[in-house]
PDB file of N, CA and C in Angstrom:
ATOM      1  N   MET A   1      -0.271   7.376  -2.848  1.00  0.00           N
ATOM      2  CA  MET A   1      -1.432   7.778  -2.090  1.00  0.00           C
ATOM      3  C   MET A   1      -1.191   9.118  -1.382  1.00  0.00           C
ATOM      4  N   GLU A   2      -0.007   9.254  -0.838  1.00  0.00           N
ATOM      5  CA  GLU A   2       0.301  10.490  -0.136  1.00  0.00           C
ATOM      6  C   GLU A   2       0.428  11.657  -1.103  1.00  0.00           C
ATOM      7  N   ARG A   3       0.959  11.408  -2.278  1.00  0.00           N
ATOM      8  CA  ARG A   3       1.129  12.490  -3.259  1.00  0.00           C
ATOM      9  C   ARG A   3      -0.204  13.063  -3.708  1.00  0.00           C
ATOM     10  N   SER A   4      -1.247  12.197  -3.774  1.00  0.00           N
ATOM     11  CA  SER A   4      -2.566  12.686  -4.181  1.00  0.00           C
ATOM     12  C   SER A   4      -3.215  13.512  -3.077  1.00  0.00           C
ATOM     13  N   LYS A   5      -2.798  13.291  -1.835  1.00  0.00           N
ATOM     14  CA  LYS A   5      -3.313  14.006  -0.661  1.00  0.00           C
ATOM     15  C   LYS A   5      -4.826  13.908  -0.530  1.00  0.00           C
ATOM     16  N   ILE A   6      -5.384  12.780  -0.978  1.00  0.00           N
ATOM     17  CA  ILE A   6      -6.829  12.576  -0.847  1.00  0.00           C
ATOM     18  C   ILE A   6      -7.191  12.144   0.567  1.00  0.00           C
ATOM     19  N   ILE A   7      -6.477  11.139   1.085  1.00  0.00           N
ATOM     20  CA  ILE A   7      -6.799  10.603   2.406  1.00  0.00           C
ATOM     21  C   ILE A   7      -5.872  11.150   3.482  1.00  0.00           C
ATOM     22  N   PHE A   8      -4.578  11.164   3.196  1.00  0.00           N
ATOM     23  CA  PHE A   8      -3.640  11.651   4.198  1.00  0.00           C
ATOM     24  C   PHE A   8      -2.496  12.415   3.536  1.00  0.00           C
ATOM     25  N   SER A   9      -1.794  13.159   4.370  1.00  0.00           N
ATOM     26  CA  SER A   9      -0.626  13.878   3.881  1.00  0.00           C
ATOM     27  C   SER A   9       0.433  13.893   4.976  1.00  0.00           C
ATOM     28  N   ILE A  10       1.660  14.083   4.566  1.00  0.00           N
ATOM     29  CA  ILE A  10       2.767  14.188   5.501  1.00  0.00           C
ATOM     30  C   ILE A  10       3.307  15.608   5.397  1.00  0.00           C
ATOM     31  N   GLY A  11       3.270  16.314   6.511  1.00  0.00           N
ATOM     32  CA  GLY A  11       3.743  17.696   6.526  1.00  0.00           C
ATOM     33  C   GLY A  11       5.028  17.805   7.318  1.00  0.00           C
ATOM     34  N   ALA A  12       5.981  18.508   6.790  1.00  0.00           N
ATOM     35  CA  ALA A  12       7.264  18.707   7.475  1.00  0.00           C
ATOM     36  C   ALA A  12       7.207  19.979   8.308  1.00  0.00           C
ATOM     37  N   GLN A  13       7.692  19.887   9.527  1.00  0.00           N
ATOM     38  CA  GLN A  13       7.765  21.041  10.412  1.00  0.00           C
ATOM     39  C   GLN A  13       9.224  21.457  10.538  1.00  0.00           C
ATOM     40  N   GLU A  14       9.450  22.736  10.561  1.00  0.00           N
ATOM     41  CA  GLU A  14      10.810  23.230  10.759  1.00  0.00           C
ATOM     42  C   GLU A  14      10.824  24.188  11.945  1.00  0.00           C
ATOM     43  N   ASN A  15      11.765  23.970  12.848  1.00  0.00           N
ATOM     44  CA  ASN A  15      11.947  24.824  14.028  1.00  0.00           C
ATOM     45  C   ASN A  15      10.681  24.957  14.860  1.00  0.00           C
ATOM     46  N   GLY A  16       9.919  23.870  14.998  1.00  0.00           N
ATOM     47  CA  GLY A  16       8.727  23.879  15.835  1.00  0.00           C
ATOM     48  C   GLY A  16       7.522  24.552  15.222  1.00  0.00           C
ATOM     49  N   ALA A  17       7.641  25.065  14.002  1.00  0.00           N
ATOM     50  CA  ALA A  17       6.502  25.722  13.357  1.00  0.00           C
ATOM     51  C   ALA A  17       5.523  24.669  12.871  1.00  0.00           C
ATOM     52  N   ASN A  18       4.262  24.991  12.927  1.00  0.00           N
ATOM     53  CA  ASN A  18       3.237  24.057  12.471  1.00  0.00           C
ATOM     54  C   ASN A  18       3.254  23.930  10.961  1.00  0.00           C
ATOM     55  N   ALA A  19       3.054  22.717  10.489  1.00  0.00           N
ATOM     56  CA  ALA A  19       2.934  22.500   9.047  1.00  0.00           C
ATOM     57  C   ALA A  19       1.574  23.009   8.600  1.00  0.00           C
ATOM     58  N   SER A  20       1.410  23.158   7.315  1.00  0.00           N
ATOM     59  CA  SER A  20       0.154  23.694   6.800  1.00  0.00           C
ATOM     60  C   SER A  20      -1.008  22.762   7.114  1.00  0.00           C
ATOM     61  N   LYS A  21      -2.131  23.342   7.488  1.00  0.00           N
ATOM     62  CA  LYS A  21      -3.322  22.553   7.785  1.00  0.00           C
ATOM     63  C   LYS A  21      -4.052  22.300   6.480  1.00  0.00           C
ATOM     64  N   SER A  22      -4.613  21.085   6.365  1.00  0.00           N
ATOM     65  CA  SER A  22      -5.272  20.724   5.122  1.00  0.00           C
ATOM     66  C   SER A  22      -6.554  19.962   5.406  1.00  0.00           C
ATOM     67  N   ALA A  23      -7.275  19.613   4.345  1.00  0.00           N
ATOM     68  CA  ALA A  23      -8.583  18.990   4.479  1.00  0.00           C
ATOM     69  C   ALA A  23      -8.527  17.464   4.465  1.00  0.00           C
ATOM     70  N   GLN A  24      -7.342  16.860   4.546  1.00  0.00           N
ATOM     71  CA  GLN A  24      -7.250  15.413   4.554  1.00  0.00           C
ATOM     72  C   GLN A  24      -7.813  14.852   5.856  1.00  0.00           C
ATOM     73  N   ILE A  25      -8.164  13.577   5.807  1.00  0.00           N
ATOM     74  CA  ILE A  25      -8.655  12.909   7.008  1.00  0.00           C
ATOM     75  C   ILE A  25      -7.535  12.797   8.033  1.00  0.00           C
ATOM     76  N   ILE A  26      -6.338  12.463   7.564  1.00  0.00           N
ATOM     77  CA  ILE A  26      -5.180  12.283   8.448  1.00  0.00           C
ATOM     78  C   ILE A  26      -4.044  13.174   7.952  1.00  0.00           C
ATOM     79  N   THR A  27      -3.471  13.939   8.862  1.00  0.00           N
ATOM     80  CA  THR A  27      -2.300  14.740   8.539  1.00  0.00           C
ATOM     81  C   THR A  27      -1.201  14.372   9.525  1.00  0.00           C
ATOM     82  N   LEU A  28      -0.076  13.894   9.021  1.00  0.00           N
ATOM     83  CA  LEU A  28       1.060  13.534   9.856  1.00  0.00           C
ATOM     84  C   LEU A  28       2.064  14.673   9.810  1.00  0.00           C
ATOM     85  N   ASN A  29       2.220  15.378  10.918  1.00  0.00           N
ATOM     86  CA  ASN A  29       3.185  16.470  10.995  1.00  0.00           C
ATOM     87  C   ASN A  29       4.417  15.962  11.723  1.00  0.00           C
ATOM     88  N   VAL A  30       5.527  15.919  11.029  1.00  0.00           N
ATOM     89  CA  VAL A  30       6.783  15.433  11.606  1.00  0.00           C
ATOM     90  C   VAL A  30       7.885  16.432  11.301  1.00  0.00           C
ATOM     91  N   GLY A  31       8.985  16.301  12.019  1.00  0.00           N
ATOM     92  CA  GLY A  31      10.138  17.150  11.751  1.00  0.00           C
ATOM     93  C   GLY A  31      10.673  16.874  10.360  1.00  0.00           C
ATOM     94  N   ALA A  32      11.218  17.888   9.739  1.00  0.00           N
ATOM     95  CA  ALA A  32      11.697  17.769   8.354  1.00  0.00           C
ATOM     96  C   ALA A  32      12.728  16.655   8.198  1.00  0.00           C
ATOM     97  N   GLU A  33      13.538  16.415   9.222  1.00  0.00           N
ATOM     98  CA  GLU A  33      14.566  15.377   9.118  1.00  0.00           C
ATOM     99  C   GLU A  33      13.994  13.964   9.245  1.00  0.00           C
ATOM    100  N   TYR A  34      12.735  13.836   9.674  1.00  0.00           N
ATOM    101  CA  TYR A  34      12.134  12.508   9.870  1.00  0.00           C
ATOM    102  C   TYR A  34      11.163  12.101   8.762  1.00  0.00           C
ATOM    103  N   VAL A  35      10.949  12.925   7.778  1.00  0.00           N
ATOM    104  CA  VAL A  35       9.995  12.629   6.706  1.00  0.00           C
ATOM    105  C   VAL A  35      10.360  11.329   5.983  1.00  0.00           C
ATOM    106  N   GLY A  36      11.627  11.123   5.702  1.00  0.00           N
ATOM    107  CA  GLY A  36      12.067   9.894   5.036  1.00  0.00           C
ATOM    108  C   GLY A  36      11.739   8.652   5.843  1.00  0.00           C
ATOM    109  N   TYR A  37      11.915   8.727   7.162  1.00  0.00           N
ATOM    110  CA  TYR A  37      11.591   7.593   8.028  1.00  0.00           C
ATOM    111  C   TYR A  37      10.094   7.300   8.025  1.00  0.00           C
ATOM    112  N   VAL A  38       9.285   8.344   8.008  1.00  0.00           N
ATOM    113  CA  VAL A  38       7.831   8.157   7.978  1.00  0.00           C
ATOM    114  C   VAL A  38       7.418   7.460   6.688  1.00  0.00           C
ATOM    115  N   TYR A  39       7.990   7.858   5.571  1.00  0.00           N
ATOM    116  CA  TYR A  39       7.702   7.175   4.300  1.00  0.00           C
ATOM    117  C   TYR A  39       8.109   5.705   4.373  1.00  0.00           C
ATOM    118  N   ALA A  40       9.271   5.417   4.952  1.00  0.00           N
ATOM    119  CA  ALA A  40       9.742   4.029   5.053  1.00  0.00           C
ATOM    120  C   ALA A  40       8.788   3.193   5.902  1.00  0.00           C
ATOM    121  N   VAL A  41       8.338   3.734   7.013  1.00  0.00           N
ATOM    122  CA  VAL A  41       7.405   3.007   7.878  1.00  0.00           C
ATOM    123  C   VAL A  41       6.086   2.771   7.152  1.00  0.00           C
ATOM    124  N   LEU A  42       5.589   3.767   6.450  1.00  0.00           N
ATOM    125  CA  LEU A  42       4.337   3.604   5.702  1.00  0.00           C
ATOM    126  C   LEU A  42       4.455   2.537   4.624  1.00  0.00           C
ATOM    127  N   VAL A  43       5.595   2.462   3.954  1.00  0.00           N
ATOM    128  CA  VAL A  43       5.806   1.451   2.924  1.00  0.00           C
ATOM    129  C   VAL A  43       5.784   0.054   3.537  1.00  0.00           C
ATOM    130  N   ILE A  44       6.461  -0.127   4.656  1.00  0.00           N
ATOM    131  CA  ILE A  44       6.505  -1.430   5.318  1.00  0.00           C
ATOM    132  C   ILE A  44       5.118  -1.846   5.795  1.00  0.00           C
ATOM    133  N   VAL A  45       4.418  -0.945   6.454  1.00  0.00           N
ATOM    134  CA  VAL A  45       3.080  -1.246   6.969  1.00  0.00           C
ATOM    135  C   VAL A  45       2.113  -1.553   5.836  1.00  0.00           C
ATOM    136  N   SER A  46       2.159  -0.794   4.753  1.00  0.00           N
ATOM    137  CA  SER A  46       1.236  -1.042   3.642  1.00  0.00           C
ATOM    138  C   SER A  46       1.547  -2.368   2.969  1.00  0.00           C
ATOM    139  N   GLY A  47       2.820  -2.777   2.929  1.00  0.00           N
ATOM    140  CA  GLY A  47       3.170  -4.077   2.363  1.00  0.00           C
ATOM    141  C   GLY A  47       2.565  -5.216   3.155  1.00  0.00           C
ATOM    142  N   PHE A  48       2.671  -5.167   4.480  1.00  0.00           N
ATOM    143  CA  PHE A  48       2.082  -6.212   5.316  1.00  0.00           C
ATOM    144  C   PHE A  48       0.562  -6.182   5.243  1.00  0.00           C
ATOM    145  N   ALA A  49      -0.025  -5.001   5.219  1.00  0.00           N
ATOM    146  CA  ALA A  49      -1.486  -4.889   5.151  1.00  0.00           C
ATOM    147  C   ALA A  49      -2.008  -5.445   3.833  1.00  0.00           C
ATOM    148  N   ALA A  50      -1.336  -5.148   2.746  1.00  0.00           N
ATOM    149  CA  ALA A  50      -1.769  -5.654   1.440  1.00  0.00           C
ATOM    150  C   ALA A  50      -1.695  -7.166   1.406  1.00  0.00           C
ATOM    151  N   ASP A  51      -0.663  -7.742   2.017  1.00  0.00           N
ATOM    152  CA  ASP A  51      -0.536  -9.195   2.057  1.00  0.00           C
ATOM    153  C   ASP A  51      -1.714  -9.814   2.804  1.00  0.00           C
ATOM    154  N   LYS A  52      -2.085  -9.254   3.928  1.00  0.00           N
ATOM    155  CA  LYS A  52      -3.195  -9.787   4.736  1.00  0.00           C
ATOM    156  C   LYS A  52      -4.538  -9.600   4.033  1.00  0.00           C
ATOM    157  N   ILE A  53      -4.743  -8.449   3.440  1.00  0.00           N
ATOM    158  CA  ILE A  53      -6.039  -8.134   2.831  1.00  0.00           C
ATOM    159  C   ILE A  53      -6.236  -8.860   1.507  1.00  0.00           C
ATOM    160  N   LEU A  54      -5.202  -8.910   0.684  1.00  0.00           N
ATOM    161  CA  LEU A  54      -5.342  -9.453  -0.664  1.00  0.00           C
ATOM    162  C   LEU A  54      -5.010 -10.932  -0.782  1.00  0.00           C
ATOM    163  N   ARG A  55      -4.596 -11.590   0.292  1.00  0.00           N
ATOM    164  CA  ARG A  55      -4.185 -12.988   0.229  1.00  0.00           C
ATOM    165  C   ARG A  55      -5.272 -13.894  -0.328  1.00  0.00           C
ATOM    166  N   ASP A  56      -6.513 -13.755   0.145  1.00  0.00           N
ATOM    167  CA  ASP A  56      -7.605 -14.606  -0.334  1.00  0.00           C
ATOM    168  C   ASP A  56      -7.857 -14.413  -1.822  1.00  0.00           C
ATOM    169  N   MET A  57      -7.841 -13.177  -2.284  1.00  0.00           N
ATOM    170  CA  MET A  57      -8.072 -12.910  -3.694  1.00  0.00           C
ATOM    171  C   MET A  57      -6.946 -13.501  -4.551  1.00  0.00           C
ATOM    172  N   ILE A  58      -5.709 -13.327  -4.122  1.00  0.00           N
ATOM    173  CA  ILE A  58      -4.579 -13.865  -4.874  1.00  0.00           C
ATOM    174  C   ILE A  58      -4.641 -15.385  -4.911  1.00  0.00           C
ATOM    175  N   ASP A  59      -4.979 -16.022  -3.786  1.00  0.00           N
ATOM    176  CA  ASP A  59      -5.108 -17.481  -3.754  1.00  0.00           C
ATOM    177  C   ASP A  59      -6.187 -17.960  -4.719  1.00  0.00           C
ATOM    178  N   GLY A  60      -7.303 -17.251  -4.780  1.00  0.00           N
ATOM    179  CA  GLY A  60      -8.379 -17.615  -5.705  1.00  0.00           C
ATOM    180  C   GLY A  60      -7.951 -17.522  -7.162  1.00  0.00           C
ATOM    181  N   VAL A  61      -7.242 -16.457  -7.495  1.00  0.00           N
ATOM    182  CA  VAL A  61      -6.765 -16.278  -8.870  1.00  0.00           C
ATOM    183  C   VAL A  61      -5.773 -17.375  -9.236  1.00  0.00           C
ATOM    184  N   LEU A  62      -4.853 -17.684  -8.338  1.00  0.00           N
ATOM    185  CA  LEU A  62      -3.873 -18.736  -8.608  1.00  0.00           C
ATOM    186  C   LEU A  62      -4.546 -20.101  -8.759  1.00  0.00           C
ATOM    187  N   LYS A  63      -5.579 -20.362  -7.970  1.00  0.00           N
ATOM    188  CA  LYS A  63      -6.308 -21.633  -8.067  1.00  0.00           C
ATOM    189  C   LYS A  63      -6.992 -21.756  -9.424  1.00  0.00           C
ATOM    190  N   LYS A  64      -7.622 -20.671  -9.887  1.00  0.00           N
ATOM    191  CA  LYS A  64      -8.273 -20.687 -11.202  1.00  0.00           C
ATOM    192  C   LYS A  64      -7.261 -20.883 -12.323  1.00  0.00           C
ATOM    193  N   LEU A  65      -6.107 -20.233 -12.217  1.00  0.00           N
ATOM    194  CA  LEU A  65      -5.065 -20.402 -13.231  1.00  0.00           C
ATOM    195  C   LEU A  65      -4.559 -21.841 -13.256  1.00  0.00           C
ATOM    196  N   GLU A  66      -4.425 -22.440 -12.094  1.00  0.00           N
ATOM    197  CA  GLU A  66      -3.985 -23.830 -12.011  1.00  0.00           C
ATOM    198  C   GLU A  66      -5.013 -24.764 -12.649  1.00  0.00           C
ATOM    199  N   GLN A  67      -6.296 -24.508 -12.408  1.00  0.00           N
ATOM    200  CA  GLN A  67      -7.355 -25.328 -13.002  1.00  0.00           C
ATOM    201  C   GLN A  67      -7.348 -25.198 -14.521  1.00  0.00           C
ATOM    202  N   LYS A  68      -7.174 -24.002 -15.030  1.00  0.00           N
ATOM    203  CA  LYS A  68      -7.114 -23.800 -16.482  1.00  0.00           C
ATOM    204  C   LYS A  68      -5.904 -24.508 -17.076  1.00  0.00           C
ATOM    205  N   ALA A  69      -4.777 -24.456 -16.364  1.00  0.00           N
ATOM    206  CA  ALA A  69      -3.566 -25.120 -16.843  1.00  0.00           C
ATOM    207  C   ALA A  69      -3.774 -26.636 -16.901  1.00  0.00           C
ATOM    208  N   GLU A  70      -4.476 -27.194 -15.910  1.00  0.00           N
ATOM    209  CA  GLU A  70      -4.746 -28.633 -15.903  1.00  0.00           C
ATOM    210  C   GLU A  70      -5.670 -29.018 -17.050  1.00  0.00           C
ATOM    211  N   LYS A  71      -6.678 -28.204 -17.332  1.00  0.00           N
ATOM    212  CA  LYS A  71      -7.590 -28.478 -18.438  1.00  0.00           C
ATOM    213  C   LYS A  71      -6.843 -28.456 -19.761  1.00  0.00           C
ATOM    214  N   THR A  72      -5.954 -27.490 -19.909  1.00  0.00           N
ATOM    215  CA  THR A  72      -5.165 -27.383 -21.141  1.00  0.00           C
ATOM    216  C   THR A  72      -4.246 -28.591 -21.289  1.00  0.00           C
ATOM    217  N   LYS A  73      -3.658 -29.025 -20.214  1.00  0.00           N
ATOM    218  CA  LYS A  73      -2.751 -30.173 -20.232  1.00  0.00           C
ATOM    219  C   LYS A  73      -3.529 -31.448 -20.624  1.00  0.00           C
ATOM    220  N   GLU A  74      -4.747 -31.612 -20.076  1.00  0.00           N
ATOM    221  CA  GLU A  74      -5.572 -32.780 -20.381  1.00  0.00           C
ATOM    222  C   GLU A  74      -6.011 -32.789 -21.828  1.00  0.00           C
ATOM    223  N   SER A  75      -6.367 -31.631 -22.396  1.00  0.00           N
ATOM    224  CA  SER A  75      -6.814 -31.560 -23.784  1.00  0.00           C
ATOM    225  C   SER A  75      -5.660 -31.839 -24.756  1.00  0.00           C
ATOM    226  N   GLU A  76      -4.441 -31.515 -24.376  1.00  0.00           N
ATOM    227  CA  GLU A  76      -3.280 -31.774 -25.214  1.00  0.00           C
ATOM    228  C   GLU A  76      -2.958 -33.266 -25.271  1.00  0.00           C
ATOM    229  N   LYS A  77      -3.259 -34.010 -24.187  1.00  0.00           N
ATOM    230  CA  LYS A  77      -2.986 -35.444 -24.144  1.00  0.00           C
ATOM    231  C   LYS A  77      -3.906 -36.229 -25.059  1.00  0.00           C
ATOM    232  N   LYS A  78      -5.127 -35.760 -25.272  1.00  0.00           N
ATOM    233  CA  LYS A  78      -6.119 -36.466 -26.086  1.00  0.00           C
ATOM    234  C   LYS A  78      -5.773 -36.347 -27.510  1.00  0.00           C
TER     235      LYS A  78
END
């Protein structure tokens, strides 16, 4: 997501100089030595957010797969 720079970007600052300004909605300007930490935090936060947001959809898909598996099992017994 960050590489596409559609929604947000991470800009590295060196020696207090401002990073380049861009047209993204969110621009995170951090020191060059902290860019790796910012990526790590974003990965962790997006993992938890995806779990919360997609949990219902994943549960629904698993329930449908379980129902199909039961139907297949019943048809094999006959």
